[in-house]
Amino acid sequence: MSSPADQGSEPVGHLTGKCACGKVSFEVNQPLIGAAYCYCKRCQRRTGTGVSVTGLTQPGSFTITEGVESVHGYEPGDGGFDKYFCEECGGHLYTSHPENPDILAIRMGALDQDPGIRPLAHQFTDYAAPWFPVPDDDLPKFPERLDWSQVL
């Protein structure tokens, strides 16, 4: 299995990002562990698209640097990850495990720069929209949530 560093460029050690209106900014001060495509219905409804891409952060590396008072969360209550977004523009920023906030993934589209890694897997493929099928590529496919230990 390839590692994030094997995918064309070196992982970036310091990343910044923001919401669509710029009211909320964040930084990640260590390279991302990995990234994945998600096809779950929650991501489809949250984004209005067929897929979402998130990057898993190293514990303690994520910080809101501006606009923390504008960050709001949605807790699905069914074991799904909590979702965080800007109250002003609705821009999605990150998601975290409901029982372990150290497990946190940022929305790759919110980044200001190329993180130097590419998605390693497709997850929740059983829920892919018929109008946006999972591509036939060499990445592993998981019908439900992926287990990062299988792709890193």
Protein backbone atom coordinates (compact mmCIF):
# COMPACT_ATOMS: atom_id res chain seq x y z
CA MET A 1 0.00 0.00 0.00
CA SER A 2 1.34 3.44 -0.82
CA SER A 3 1.90 6.06 1.83
CA PRO A 4 0.91 9.74 1.47
CA ALA A 5 4.55 10.58 0.73
CA ASP A 6 4.60 8.11 -2.20
CA GLN A 7 1.94 9.99 -4.14
CA GLY A 8 3.88 12.52 -6.13
CA SER A 9 5.02 15.23 -3.75
CA GLU A 10 6.13 15.69 -0.18
CA PRO A 11 3.38 16.22 2.45
CA VAL A 12 3.24 19.85 3.54
CA GLY A 13 4.10 20.42 7.21
CA HIS A 14 2.09 23.62 7.70
CA LEU A 15 -1.30 24.16 6.07
CA THR A 16 -3.84 26.95 6.28
CA GLY A 17 -7.46 27.06 5.28
CA LYS A 18 -10.65 29.02 5.59
CA CYS A 19 -14.35 29.02 4.93
CA ALA A 20 -15.89 30.56 1.79
CA CYS A 21 -16.40 34.02 3.30
CA GLY A 22 -13.04 34.07 5.12
CA LYS A 23 -14.55 34.71 8.54
CA VAL A 24 -13.10 31.44 9.91
CA SER A 25 -9.47 30.45 9.37
CA PHE A 26 -7.54 27.44 10.57
CA GLU A 27 -4.09 25.92 10.45
CA VAL A 28 -2.66 22.42 10.59
CA ASN A 29 0.92 22.47 11.86
CA GLN A 30 1.92 18.91 10.91
CA PRO A 31 1.52 16.94 7.66
CA LEU A 32 -1.82 15.24 7.13
CA ILE A 33 -1.84 11.51 7.87
CA GLY A 34 -3.94 10.64 4.84
CA ALA A 35 -6.99 11.60 2.80
CA ALA A 36 -10.05 9.75 1.52
CA TYR A 37 -13.07 10.16 -0.71
CA CYS A 38 -16.42 9.77 1.07
CA TYR A 39 -19.65 8.79 -0.69
CA CYS A 40 -21.96 8.64 2.35
CA LYS A 41 -25.45 10.19 2.12
CA ARG A 42 -24.58 12.65 4.88
CA CYS A 43 -21.67 14.06 2.82
CA GLN A 44 -23.84 14.12 -0.30
CA ARG A 45 -26.51 16.15 1.48
CA ARG A 46 -23.96 18.35 3.28
CA THR A 47 -22.14 19.28 0.09
CA GLY A 48 -24.80 18.90 -2.59
CA THR A 49 -22.33 16.75 -4.53
CA GLY A 50 -21.60 13.05 -4.99
CA VAL A 51 -18.37 12.93 -2.99
CA SER A 52 -16.43 14.74 -0.29
CA VAL A 53 -12.68 14.63 0.40
CA THR A 54 -11.26 14.87 3.92
CA GLY A 55 -7.72 14.85 5.24
CA LEU A 56 -6.95 13.16 8.56
CA THR A 57 -4.89 15.36 10.89
CA GLN A 58 -2.31 14.31 13.44
CA PRO A 59 -3.64 14.67 17.01
CA GLY A 60 -3.25 18.22 18.32
CA SER A 61 -2.15 19.70 14.98
CA PHE A 62 -5.39 21.54 14.11
CA THR A 63 -6.21 25.05 15.40
CA ILE A 64 -8.88 27.61 14.57
CA THR A 65 -6.83 30.80 14.12
CA GLU A 66 -9.62 33.28 13.46
CA GLY A 67 -13.40 33.35 13.89
CA VAL A 68 -13.85 30.58 16.44
CA GLU A 69 -17.08 32.29 17.57
CA SER A 70 -18.47 31.70 14.05
CA VAL A 71 -17.83 27.94 14.06
CA HIS A 72 -20.95 25.89 14.63
CA GLY A 73 -21.35 22.16 14.83
CA TYR A 74 -23.82 19.52 13.88
CA GLU A 75 -23.87 16.37 15.99
CA PRO A 76 -25.76 13.65 14.12
CA GLY A 77 -26.16 11.59 17.30
CA ASP A 78 -25.96 8.24 15.54
CA GLY A 79 -22.25 7.60 15.96
CA GLY A 80 -21.38 9.62 12.87
CA PHE A 81 -18.63 12.21 13.07
CA ASP A 82 -19.57 15.72 14.24
CA LYS A 83 -19.50 18.34 11.46
CA TYR A 84 -18.23 21.92 11.87
CA PHE A 85 -18.95 24.86 9.60
CA CYS A 86 -19.00 28.68 9.42
CA GLU A 87 -22.30 30.18 10.57
CA GLU A 88 -21.95 33.08 8.11
CA CYS A 89 -21.39 31.28 4.80
CA GLY A 90 -22.06 27.63 5.70
CA GLY A 91 -18.59 26.61 4.52
CA HIS A 92 -17.64 23.23 5.96
CA LEU A 93 -14.30 23.17 7.74
CA TYR A 94 -13.73 19.90 9.58
CA THR A 95 -15.24 16.84 11.19
CA SER A 96 -14.32 15.05 14.43
CA HIS A 97 -15.07 11.80 16.19
CA PRO A 98 -17.88 12.28 18.74
CA GLU A 99 -16.04 10.34 21.45
CA ASN A 100 -12.45 11.29 20.60
CA PRO A 101 -11.93 14.87 19.36
CA ASP A 102 -8.27 14.05 18.59
CA ILE A 103 -9.61 12.14 15.57
CA LEU A 104 -10.20 15.15 13.34
CA ALA A 105 -10.28 15.51 9.57
CA ILE A 106 -10.30 18.75 7.62
CA ARG A 107 -12.26 19.40 4.44
CA MET A 108 -9.63 19.38 1.73
CA GLY A 109 -11.54 21.96 -0.31
CA ALA A 110 -11.09 24.48 2.52
CA LEU A 111 -7.28 24.41 2.22
CA ASP A 112 -5.34 27.37 0.85
CA GLN A 113 -2.62 25.19 -0.70
CA ASP A 114 -1.88 21.73 -2.01
CA PRO A 115 -1.31 19.48 1.03
CA GLY A 116 1.12 17.31 -0.92
CA ILE A 117 -0.96 14.14 -0.51
CA ARG A 118 -3.75 12.53 -2.51
CA PRO A 119 -6.70 10.42 -1.34
CA LEU A 120 -5.73 6.86 -0.51
CA ALA A 121 -9.17 5.21 -0.57
CA HIS A 122 -12.89 5.46 -1.27
CA GLN A 123 -15.22 4.95 1.71
CA PHE A 124 -18.99 4.42 2.05
CA THR A 125 -19.04 3.23 -1.55
CA ASP A 126 -22.33 1.35 -0.99
CA TYR A 127 -23.99 4.78 -0.82
CA ALA A 128 -22.51 6.28 -3.99
CA ALA A 129 -25.05 8.27 -5.98
CA PRO A 130 -26.04 6.52 -9.22
CA TRP A 131 -25.26 9.74 -11.10
CA PHE A 132 -21.74 9.89 -9.56
CA PRO A 133 -20.33 6.35 -9.52
CA VAL A 134 -17.13 5.40 -7.73
CA PRO A 135 -14.33 5.51 -10.31
CA ASP A 136 -12.66 2.33 -11.43
CA ASP A 137 -9.18 3.22 -10.17
CA ASP A 138 -6.52 1.42 -8.16
CA LEU A 139 -7.57 2.84 -4.77
CA PRO A 140 -9.11 0.47 -2.21
CA LYS A 141 -12.88 0.69 -1.85
CA PHE A 142 -14.72 0.30 1.45
CA PRO A 143 -18.50 -0.27 1.46
CA GLU A 144 -18.71 1.46 4.87
CA ARG A 145 -16.26 3.57 6.92
CA LEU A 146 -12.64 2.76 6.11
CA ASP A 147 -10.16 1.53 8.65
CA TRP A 148 -7.10 3.79 8.25
CA SER A 149 -4.79 0.96 9.34
CA GLN A 150 -5.68 -0.81 6.08
CA VAL A 151 -4.51 2.05 3.85
CA LEU A 152 -1.57 3.65 5.67
